[in-house]
PDB file of all heavy atoms in Angstrom:
ATOM      1  N   LEU A   1      -1.738  -7.312  18.184  1.00  0.00           N
ATOM      2  CA  LEU A   1      -2.330  -6.269  17.353  1.00  0.00           C
ATOM      3  C   LEU A   1      -1.614  -6.186  16.010  1.00  0.00           C
ATOM      4  O   LEU A   1      -2.235  -5.951  14.970  1.00  0.00           O
ATOM      5  CB  LEU A   1      -2.269  -4.931  18.079  1.00  0.00           C
ATOM      6  CG  LEU A   1      -2.873  -3.729  17.357  1.00  0.00           C
ATOM      7  CD1 LEU A   1      -4.330  -3.974  17.002  1.00  0.00           C
ATOM      8  CD2 LEU A   1      -2.735  -2.469  18.208  1.00  0.00           C
ATOM      9  N   ARG A   2      -0.308  -6.410  16.030  1.00  0.00           N
ATOM     10  CA  ARG A   2       0.468  -6.364  14.788  1.00  0.00           C
ATOM     11  C   ARG A   2      -0.023  -7.427  13.794  1.00  0.00           C
ATOM     12  O   ARG A   2      -0.020  -7.210  12.581  1.00  0.00           O
ATOM     13  CB  ARG A   2       1.952  -6.557  15.106  1.00  0.00           C
ATOM     14  CG  ARG A   2       2.871  -6.167  13.968  1.00  0.00           C
ATOM     15  CD  ARG A   2       4.330  -6.212  14.397  1.00  0.00           C
ATOM     16  NE  ARG A   2       4.632  -5.213  15.393  1.00  0.00           N
ATOM     17  CZ  ARG A   2       4.867  -3.942  15.141  1.00  0.00           C
ATOM     18  NH1 ARG A   2       4.806  -3.512  13.894  1.00  0.00           N
ATOM     19  NH2 ARG A   2       5.160  -3.107  16.110  1.00  0.00           N
ATOM     20  N   LEU A   3      -0.453  -8.595  14.299  1.00  0.00           N
ATOM     21  CA  LEU A   3      -0.964  -9.647  13.416  1.00  0.00           C
ATOM     22  C   LEU A   3      -2.198  -9.178  12.652  1.00  0.00           C
ATOM     23  O   LEU A   3      -2.330  -9.411  11.456  1.00  0.00           O
ATOM     24  CB  LEU A   3      -1.302 -10.900  14.236  1.00  0.00           C
ATOM     25  CG  LEU A   3      -0.122 -11.629  14.894  1.00  0.00           C
ATOM     26  CD1 LEU A   3      -0.638 -12.793  15.735  1.00  0.00           C
ATOM     27  CD2 LEU A   3       0.855 -12.139  13.843  1.00  0.00           C
ATOM     28  N   PHE A   4      -3.113  -8.504  13.364  1.00  0.00           N
ATOM     29  CA  PHE A   4      -4.326  -8.007  12.709  1.00  0.00           C
ATOM     30  C   PHE A   4      -4.007  -6.836  11.778  1.00  0.00           C
ATOM     31  O   PHE A   4      -4.593  -6.706  10.710  1.00  0.00           O
ATOM     32  CB  PHE A   4      -5.353  -7.585  13.759  1.00  0.00           C
ATOM     33  CG  PHE A   4      -5.957  -8.740  14.512  1.00  0.00           C
ATOM     34  CD1 PHE A   4      -5.599  -8.992  15.822  1.00  0.00           C
ATOM     35  CD2 PHE A   4      -6.865  -9.588  13.901  1.00  0.00           C
ATOM     36  CE1 PHE A   4      -6.152 -10.054  16.522  1.00  0.00           C
ATOM     37  CE2 PHE A   4      -7.429 -10.658  14.587  1.00  0.00           C
ATOM     38  CZ  PHE A   4      -7.066 -10.889  15.896  1.00  0.00           C
ATOM     39  N   MET A   5      -3.078  -5.978  12.199  1.00  0.00           N
ATOM     40  CA  MET A   5      -2.754  -4.803  11.397  1.00  0.00           C
ATOM     41  C   MET A   5      -2.145  -5.174  10.061  1.00  0.00           C
ATOM     42  O   MET A   5      -2.374  -4.492   9.056  1.00  0.00           O
ATOM     43  CB  MET A   5      -1.812  -3.877  12.170  1.00  0.00           C
ATOM     44  CG  MET A   5      -2.472  -3.077  13.272  1.00  0.00           C
ATOM     45  SD  MET A   5      -3.873  -2.071  12.675  1.00  0.00           S
ATOM     46  CE  MET A   5      -3.048  -1.034  11.475  1.00  0.00           C
ATOM     47  N   LYS A   6      -1.375  -6.240  10.021  1.00  0.00           N
ATOM     48  CA  LYS A   6      -0.774  -6.653   8.746  1.00  0.00           C
ATOM     49  C   LYS A   6      -1.862  -6.947   7.713  1.00  0.00           C
ATOM     50  O   LYS A   6      -1.760  -6.538   6.552  1.00  0.00           O
ATOM     51  CB  LYS A   6       0.105  -7.889   8.935  1.00  0.00           C
ATOM     52  CG  LYS A   6       0.816  -8.321   7.649  1.00  0.00           C
ATOM     53  CD  LYS A   6       1.673  -9.544   7.874  1.00  0.00           C
ATOM     54  CE  LYS A   6       2.468  -9.871   6.607  1.00  0.00           C
ATOM     55  NZ  LYS A   6       1.617 -10.049   5.415  1.00  0.00           N
ATOM     56  N   ARG A   7      -2.919  -7.630   8.151  1.00  0.00           N
ATOM     57  CA  ARG A   7      -4.003  -7.938   7.215  1.00  0.00           C
ATOM     58  C   ARG A   7      -4.734  -6.662   6.802  1.00  0.00           C
ATOM     59  O   ARG A   7      -5.094  -6.489   5.632  1.00  0.00           O
ATOM     60  CB  ARG A   7      -4.971  -8.915   7.865  1.00  0.00           C
ATOM     61  CG  ARG A   7      -6.065  -9.381   6.911  1.00  0.00           C
ATOM     62  CD  ARG A   7      -6.980 -10.372   7.579  1.00  0.00           C
ATOM     63  NE  ARG A   7      -8.097 -10.725   6.700  1.00  0.00           N
ATOM     64  CZ  ARG A   7      -9.166 -11.396   7.094  1.00  0.00           C
ATOM     65  NH1 ARG A   7      -9.263 -11.799   8.347  1.00  0.00           N
ATOM     66  NH2 ARG A   7     -10.129 -11.665   6.240  1.00  0.00           N
ATOM     67  N   VAL A   8      -4.969  -5.755   7.761  1.00  0.00           N
ATOM     68  CA  VAL A   8      -5.627  -4.494   7.449  1.00  0.00           C
ATOM     69  C   VAL A   8      -4.804  -3.702   6.438  1.00  0.00           C
ATOM     70  O   VAL A   8      -5.345  -3.152   5.467  1.00  0.00           O
ATOM     71  CB  VAL A   8      -5.841  -3.662   8.739  1.00  0.00           C
ATOM     72  CG1 VAL A   8      -6.318  -2.254   8.394  1.00  0.00           C
ATOM     73  CG2 VAL A   8      -6.846  -4.338   9.654  1.00  0.00           C
ATOM     74  N   ILE A   9      -3.492  -3.629   6.649  1.00  0.00           N
ATOM     75  CA  ILE A   9      -2.611  -2.890   5.747  1.00  0.00           C
ATOM     76  C   ILE A   9      -2.692  -3.448   4.326  1.00  0.00           C
ATOM     77  O   ILE A   9      -2.882  -2.707   3.358  1.00  0.00           O
ATOM     78  CB  ILE A   9      -1.155  -2.936   6.259  1.00  0.00           C
ATOM     79  CG1 ILE A   9      -1.004  -2.095   7.531  1.00  0.00           C
ATOM     80  CG2 ILE A   9      -0.186  -2.441   5.178  1.00  0.00           C
ATOM     81  CD1 ILE A   9       0.313  -2.334   8.253  1.00  0.00           C
ATOM     82  N   ASP A  10      -2.548  -4.756   4.209  1.00  0.00           N
ATOM     83  CA  ASP A  10      -2.501  -5.338   2.870  1.00  0.00           C
ATOM     84  C   ASP A  10      -3.859  -5.299   2.176  1.00  0.00           C
ATOM     85  O   ASP A  10      -3.939  -5.142   0.957  1.00  0.00           O
ATOM     86  CB  ASP A  10      -1.957  -6.764   2.944  1.00  0.00           C
ATOM     87  CG  ASP A  10      -0.473  -6.811   3.271  1.00  0.00           C
ATOM     88  OD1 ASP A  10       0.190  -5.767   3.110  1.00  0.00           O
ATOM     89  OD2 ASP A  10       0.013  -7.860   3.710  1.00  0.00           O
ATOM     90  N   ASN A  11      -4.945  -5.419   2.943  1.00  0.00           N
ATOM     91  CA  ASN A  11      -6.285  -5.289   2.343  1.00  0.00           C
ATOM     92  C   ASN A  11      -6.495  -3.883   1.795  1.00  0.00           C
ATOM     93  O   ASN A  11      -7.118  -3.705   0.741  1.00  0.00           O
ATOM     94  CB  ASN A  11      -7.360  -5.593   3.387  1.00  0.00           C
ATOM     95  CG  ASN A  11      -7.568  -7.077   3.607  1.00  0.00           C
ATOM     96  OD1 ASN A  11      -7.057  -7.900   2.859  1.00  0.00           O
ATOM     97  ND2 ASN A  11      -8.306  -7.420   4.650  1.00  0.00           N
ATOM     98  N   ASN A  12      -6.003  -2.899   2.509  1.00  0.00           N
ATOM     99  CA  ASN A  12      -6.265  -1.516   2.135  1.00  0.00           C
ATOM    100  C   ASN A  12      -5.193  -0.947   1.210  1.00  0.00           C
ATOM    101  O   ASN A  12      -5.496  -0.557   0.084  1.00  0.00           O
ATOM    102  CB  ASN A  12      -6.404  -0.658   3.393  1.00  0.00           C
ATOM    103  CG  ASN A  12      -7.751  -0.826   4.048  1.00  0.00           C
ATOM    104  OD1 ASN A  12      -8.704  -0.159   3.696  1.00  0.00           O
ATOM    105  ND2 ASN A  12      -7.852  -1.763   4.991  1.00  0.00           N
ATOM    106  N   GLN A  13      -3.944  -0.913   1.667  1.00  0.00           N
ATOM    107  CA  GLN A  13      -2.916  -0.347   0.803  1.00  0.00           C
ATOM    108  C   GLN A  13      -2.725  -1.202  -0.446  1.00  0.00           C
ATOM    109  O   GLN A  13      -2.646  -0.674  -1.557  1.00  0.00           O
ATOM    110  CB  GLN A  13      -1.590  -0.207   1.557  1.00  0.00           C
ATOM    111  CG  GLN A  13      -0.517   0.464   0.705  1.00  0.00           C
ATOM    112  CD  GLN A  13       0.575   1.097   1.532  1.00  0.00           C
ATOM    113  OE1 GLN A  13       1.250   0.433   2.292  1.00  0.00           O
ATOM    114  NE2 GLN A  13       0.761   2.399   1.366  1.00  0.00           N
ATOM    115  N   GLY A  14      -2.661  -2.515  -0.256  1.00  0.00           N
ATOM    116  CA  GLY A  14      -2.497  -3.403  -1.412  1.00  0.00           C
ATOM    117  C   GLY A  14      -3.691  -3.354  -2.344  1.00  0.00           C
ATOM    118  O   GLY A  14      -3.540  -3.310  -3.571  1.00  0.00           O
ATOM    119  N   GLY A  15      -4.902  -3.344  -1.773  1.00  0.00           N
ATOM    120  CA  GLY A  15      -6.105  -3.290  -2.598  1.00  0.00           C
ATOM    121  C   GLY A  15      -6.206  -2.001  -3.389  1.00  0.00           C
ATOM    122  O   GLY A  15      -6.565  -2.007  -4.573  1.00  0.00           O
ATOM    123  N   GLY A  16      -5.877  -0.880  -2.748  1.00  0.00           N
ATOM    124  CA  GLY A  16      -5.903   0.399  -3.447  1.00  0.00           C
ATOM    125  C   GLY A  16      -4.830   0.503  -4.507  1.00  0.00           C
ATOM    126  O   GLY A  16      -5.068   1.019  -5.606  1.00  0.00           O
ATOM    127  N   TRP A  17      -3.639   0.013  -4.183  1.00  0.00           N
ATOM    128  CA  TRP A  17      -2.516   0.039  -5.118  1.00  0.00           C
ATOM    129  C   TRP A  17      -2.872  -0.682  -6.413  1.00  0.00           C
ATOM    130  O   TRP A  17      -2.566  -0.212  -7.516  1.00  0.00           O
ATOM    131  CB  TRP A  17      -1.303  -0.599  -4.463  1.00  0.00           C
ATOM    132  CG  TRP A  17      -0.065  -0.675  -5.285  1.00  0.00           C
ATOM    133  CD1 TRP A  17       0.381  -1.752  -5.994  1.00  0.00           C
ATOM    134  CD2 TRP A  17       0.912   0.353  -5.488  1.00  0.00           C
ATOM    135  NE1 TRP A  17       1.567  -1.468  -6.624  1.00  0.00           N
ATOM    136  CE2 TRP A  17       1.924  -0.169  -6.318  1.00  0.00           C
ATOM    137  CE3 TRP A  17       1.033   1.671  -5.038  1.00  0.00           C
ATOM    138  CZ2 TRP A  17       3.030   0.578  -6.715  1.00  0.00           C
ATOM    139  CZ3 TRP A  17       2.141   2.404  -5.431  1.00  0.00           C
ATOM    140  CH2 TRP A  17       3.120   1.861  -6.258  1.00  0.00           C
ATOM    141  N   ARG A  18      -3.542  -1.806  -6.290  1.00  0.00           N
ATOM    142  CA  ARG A  18      -3.866  -2.612  -7.477  1.00  0.00           C
ATOM    143  C   ARG A  18      -5.037  -2.035  -8.268  1.00  0.00           C
ATOM    144  O   ARG A  18      -5.076  -2.139  -9.486  1.00  0.00           O
ATOM    145  CB  ARG A  18      -4.184  -4.046  -7.048  1.00  0.00           C
ATOM    146  CG  ARG A  18      -3.026  -4.763  -6.373  1.00  0.00           C
ATOM    147  CD  ARG A  18      -3.372  -6.210  -6.048  1.00  0.00           C
ATOM    148  NE  ARG A  18      -2.308  -6.844  -5.271  1.00  0.00           N
ATOM    149  CZ  ARG A  18      -2.336  -6.992  -3.956  1.00  0.00           C
ATOM    150  NH1 ARG A  18      -3.372  -6.557  -3.261  1.00  0.00           N
ATOM    151  NH2 ARG A  18      -1.334  -7.569  -3.326  1.00  0.00           N
ATOM    152  N   ALA A  19      -6.009  -1.413  -7.575  1.00  0.00           N
ATOM    153  CA  ALA A  19      -7.250  -1.028  -8.241  1.00  0.00           C
ATOM    154  C   ALA A  19      -7.295   0.420  -8.718  1.00  0.00           C
ATOM    155  O   ALA A  19      -8.040   0.735  -9.645  1.00  0.00           O
ATOM    156  CB  ALA A  19      -8.440  -1.279  -7.303  1.00  0.00           C
ATOM    157  N   ALA A  20      -6.520   1.304  -8.092  1.00  0.00           N
ATOM    158  CA  ALA A  20      -6.597   2.728  -8.431  1.00  0.00           C
ATOM    159  C   ALA A  20      -6.061   2.996  -9.834  1.00  0.00           C
ATOM    160  O   ALA A  20      -5.146   2.310 -10.312  1.00  0.00           O
ATOM    161  CB  ALA A  20      -5.835   3.560  -7.412  1.00  0.00           C
ATOM    162  N   ASP A  21      -6.606   4.013 -10.478  1.00  0.00           N
ATOM    163  CA  ASP A  21      -6.100   4.443 -11.787  1.00  0.00           C
ATOM    164  C   ASP A  21      -4.772   5.175 -11.644  1.00  0.00           C
ATOM    165  O   ASP A  21      -3.933   5.139 -12.546  1.00  0.00           O
ATOM    166  CB  ASP A  21      -7.108   5.375 -12.456  1.00  0.00           C
ATOM    167  CG  ASP A  21      -8.425   4.686 -12.716  1.00  0.00           C
ATOM    168  OD1 ASP A  21      -8.484   3.863 -13.636  1.00  0.00           O
ATOM    169  OD2 ASP A  21      -9.390   4.973 -11.983  1.00  0.00           O
ATOM    170  N   LEU A  22      -4.602   5.850 -10.511  1.00  0.00           N
ATOM    171  CA  LEU A  22      -3.398   6.642 -10.290  1.00  0.00           C
ATOM    172  C   LEU A  22      -2.981   6.514  -8.835  1.00  0.00           C
ATOM    173  O   LEU A  22      -3.735   6.854  -7.924  1.00  0.00           O
ATOM    174  CB  LEU A  22      -3.652   8.110 -10.634  1.00  0.00           C
ATOM    175  CG  LEU A  22      -2.500   9.096 -10.401  1.00  0.00           C
ATOM    176  CD1 LEU A  22      -1.306   8.759 -11.304  1.00  0.00           C
ATOM    177  CD2 LEU A  22      -2.967  10.526 -10.651  1.00  0.00           C
ATOM    178  N   ASN A  23      -1.782   5.999  -8.594  1.00  0.00           N
ATOM    179  CA  ASN A  23      -1.203   5.931  -7.257  1.00  0.00           C
ATOM    180  C   ASN A  23      -0.137   7.009  -7.130  1.00  0.00           C
ATOM    181  O   ASN A  23       0.790   7.083  -7.950  1.00  0.00           O
ATOM    182  CB  ASN A  23      -0.561   4.560  -7.009  1.00  0.00           C
ATOM    183  CG  ASN A  23      -1.583   3.463  -6.812  1.00  0.00           C
ATOM    184  OD1 ASN A  23      -2.152   3.316  -5.739  1.00  0.00           O
ATOM    185  ND2 ASN A  23      -1.824   2.679  -7.859  1.00  0.00           N
ATOM    186  N   LEU A  24      -0.275   7.845  -6.108  1.00  0.00           N
ATOM    187  CA  LEU A  24       0.679   8.919  -5.865  1.00  0.00           C
ATOM    188  C   LEU A  24       1.492   8.610  -4.609  1.00  0.00           C
ATOM    189  O   LEU A  24       0.923   8.184  -3.600  1.00  0.00           O
ATOM    190  CB  LEU A  24      -0.043  10.255  -5.670  1.00  0.00           C
ATOM    191  CG  LEU A  24      -0.978  10.721  -6.778  1.00  0.00           C
ATOM    192  CD1 LEU A  24      -1.642  12.035  -6.374  1.00  0.00           C
ATOM    193  CD2 LEU A  24      -0.229  10.883  -8.094  1.00  0.00           C
ATOM    194  N   THR A  25       2.784   8.831  -4.671  1.00  0.00           N
ATOM    195  CA  THR A  25       3.631   8.726  -3.480  1.00  0.00           C
ATOM    196  C   THR A  25       4.373  10.038  -3.289  1.00  0.00           C
ATOM    197  O   THR A  25       4.579  10.800  -4.237  1.00  0.00           O
ATOM    198  CB  THR A  25       4.650   7.575  -3.591  1.00  0.00           C
ATOM    199  OG1 THR A  25       5.607   7.877  -4.619  1.00  0.00           O
ATOM    200  CG2 THR A  25       3.961   6.250  -3.896  1.00  0.00           C
ATOM    201  N   PHE A  26       4.774  10.297  -2.060  1.00  0.00           N
ATOM    202  CA  PHE A  26       5.555  11.496  -1.784  1.00  0.00           C
ATOM    203  C   PHE A  26       6.998  11.341  -2.259  1.00  0.00           C
ATOM    204  O   PHE A  26       7.635  12.307  -2.645  1.00  0.00           O
ATOM    205  CB  PHE A  26       5.554  11.795  -0.284  1.00  0.00           C
ATOM    206  CG  PHE A  26       4.259  12.365   0.233  1.00  0.00           C
ATOM    207  CD1 PHE A  26       3.728  11.938   1.429  1.00  0.00           C
ATOM    208  CD2 PHE A  26       3.572  13.339  -0.480  1.00  0.00           C
ATOM    209  CE1 PHE A  26       2.542  12.469   1.924  1.00  0.00           C
ATOM    210  CE2 PHE A  26       2.384  13.880  -0.005  1.00  0.00           C
ATOM    211  CZ  PHE A  26       1.875  13.438   1.210  1.00  0.00           C
ATOM    212  N   THR A  27       7.515  10.117  -2.193  1.00  0.00           N
ATOM    213  CA  THR A  27       8.939   9.909  -2.467  1.00  0.00           C
ATOM    214  C   THR A  27       9.170   8.720  -3.397  1.00  0.00           C
ATOM    215  O   THR A  27       8.327   7.822  -3.517  1.00  0.00           O
ATOM    216  CB  THR A  27       9.724   9.657  -1.162  1.00  0.00           C
ATOM    217  OG1 THR A  27       9.404   8.346  -0.657  1.00  0.00           O
ATOM    218  CG2 THR A  27       9.405  10.705  -0.104  1.00  0.00           C
ATOM    219  N   GLU A  28      10.343   8.714  -4.016  1.00  0.00           N
ATOM    220  CA  GLU A  28      10.758   7.599  -4.871  1.00  0.00           C
ATOM    221  C   GLU A  28      10.916   6.324  -4.053  1.00  0.00           C
ATOM    222  O   GLU A  28      10.602   5.221  -4.510  1.00  0.00           O
ATOM    223  CB  GLU A  28      12.068   7.939  -5.577  1.00  0.00           C
ATOM    224  CG  GLU A  28      12.503   6.935  -6.621  1.00  0.00           C
ATOM    225  CD  GLU A  28      11.598   6.921  -7.846  1.00  0.00           C
ATOM    226  OE1 GLU A  28      11.304   7.993  -8.369  1.00  0.00           O
ATOM    227  OE2 GLU A  28      11.185   5.808  -8.259  1.00  0.00           O
ATOM    228  N   GLN A  29      11.413   6.470  -2.818  1.00  0.00           N
ATOM    229  CA  GLN A  29      11.612   5.305  -1.962  1.00  0.00           C
ATOM    230  C   GLN A  29      10.292   4.611  -1.653  1.00  0.00           C
ATOM    231  O   GLN A  29      10.195   3.380  -1.676  1.00  0.00           O
ATOM    232  CB  GLN A  29      12.288   5.718  -0.655  1.00  0.00           C
ATOM    233  CG  GLN A  29      12.639   4.540   0.250  1.00  0.00           C
ATOM    234  CD  GLN A  29      13.639   3.588  -0.386  1.00  0.00           C
ATOM    235  OE1 GLN A  29      14.711   3.999  -0.816  1.00  0.00           O
ATOM    236  NE2 GLN A  29      13.280   2.307  -0.466  1.00  0.00           N
ATOM    237  N   ASP A  30       9.240   5.395  -1.372  1.00  0.00           N
ATOM    238  CA  ASP A  30       7.941   4.786  -1.102  1.00  0.00           C
ATOM    239  C   ASP A  30       7.399   4.063  -2.327  1.00  0.00           C
ATOM    240  O   ASP A  30       6.809   2.980  -2.212  1.00  0.00           O
ATOM    241  CB  ASP A  30       6.934   5.854  -0.647  1.00  0.00           C
ATOM    242  CG  ASP A  30       7.143   6.255   0.803  1.00  0.00           C
ATOM    243  OD1 ASP A  30       7.835   5.527   1.529  1.00  0.00           O
ATOM    244  OD2 ASP A  30       6.632   7.309   1.204  1.00  0.00           O
ATOM    245  N   LYS A  31       7.585   4.646  -3.491  1.00  0.00           N
ATOM    246  CA  LYS A  31       7.132   3.980  -4.719  1.00  0.00           C
ATOM    247  C   LYS A  31       7.856   2.643  -4.899  1.00  0.00           C
ATOM    248  O   LYS A  31       7.243   1.619  -5.237  1.00  0.00           O
ATOM    249  CB  LYS A  31       7.383   4.877  -5.931  1.00  0.00           C
ATOM    250  CG  LYS A  31       6.953   4.255  -7.257  1.00  0.00           C
ATOM    251  CD  LYS A  31       7.306   5.146  -8.437  1.00  0.00           C
ATOM    252  CE  LYS A  31       7.033   4.438  -9.760  1.00  0.00           C
ATOM    253  NZ  LYS A  31       7.466   5.251 -10.916  1.00  0.00           N
ATOM    254  N   THR A  32       9.152   2.644  -4.655  1.00  0.00           N
ATOM    255  CA  THR A  32       9.933   1.409  -4.759  1.00  0.00           C
ATOM    256  C   THR A  32       9.467   0.370  -3.751  1.00  0.00           C
ATOM    257  O   THR A  32       9.274  -0.811  -4.076  1.00  0.00           O
ATOM    258  CB  THR A  32      11.429   1.709  -4.542  1.00  0.00           C
ATOM    259  OG1 THR A  32      11.882   2.600  -5.560  1.00  0.00           O
ATOM    260  CG2 THR A  32      12.256   0.433  -4.588  1.00  0.00           C
ATOM    261  N   ASP A  33       9.260   0.803  -2.502  1.00  0.00           N
ATOM    262  CA  ASP A  33       8.815  -0.117  -1.450  1.00  0.00           C
ATOM    263  C   ASP A  33       7.446  -0.706  -1.757  1.00  0.00           C
ATOM    264  O   ASP A  33       7.210  -1.903  -1.546  1.00  0.00           O
ATOM    265  CB  ASP A  33       8.760   0.607  -0.101  1.00  0.00           C
ATOM    266  CG  ASP A  33      10.141   0.982   0.429  1.00  0.00           C
ATOM    267  OD1 ASP A  33      11.125   0.362  -0.006  1.00  0.00           O
ATOM    268  OD2 ASP A  33      10.222   1.891   1.272  1.00  0.00           O
ATOM    269  N   LEU A  34       6.540   0.111  -2.259  1.00  0.00           N
ATOM    270  CA  LEU A  34       5.194  -0.369  -2.566  1.00  0.00           C
ATOM    271  C   LEU A  34       5.193  -1.324  -3.755  1.00  0.00           C
ATOM    272  O   LEU A  34       4.454  -2.310  -3.776  1.00  0.00           O
ATOM    273  CB  LEU A  34       4.269   0.819  -2.834  1.00  0.00           C
ATOM    274  CG  LEU A  34       3.877   1.613  -1.589  1.00  0.00           C
ATOM    275  CD1 LEU A  34       3.275   2.963  -1.971  1.00  0.00           C
ATOM    276  CD2 LEU A  34       2.889   0.833  -0.744  1.00  0.00           C
ATOM    277  N   THR A  35       6.031  -1.037  -4.736  1.00  0.00           N
ATOM    278  CA  THR A  35       6.134  -1.935  -5.891  1.00  0.00           C
ATOM    279  C   THR A  35       6.699  -3.282  -5.475  1.00  0.00           C
ATOM    280  O   THR A  35       6.235  -4.340  -5.931  1.00  0.00           O
ATOM    281  CB  THR A  35       7.009  -1.304  -6.985  1.00  0.00           C
ATOM    282  OG1 THR A  35       6.467  -0.031  -7.362  1.00  0.00           O
ATOM    283  CG2 THR A  35       7.077  -2.195  -8.218  1.00  0.00           C
TER     284      THR A  35
END
């Protein structure tokens, strides 16, 4: 299941991160990790 989830995560979180006009994170650490 982890193999499939990795693709789902990157399609969604990665796709949104690149396309959104504004990305909001709760913490500085999450912003760093996502970058």
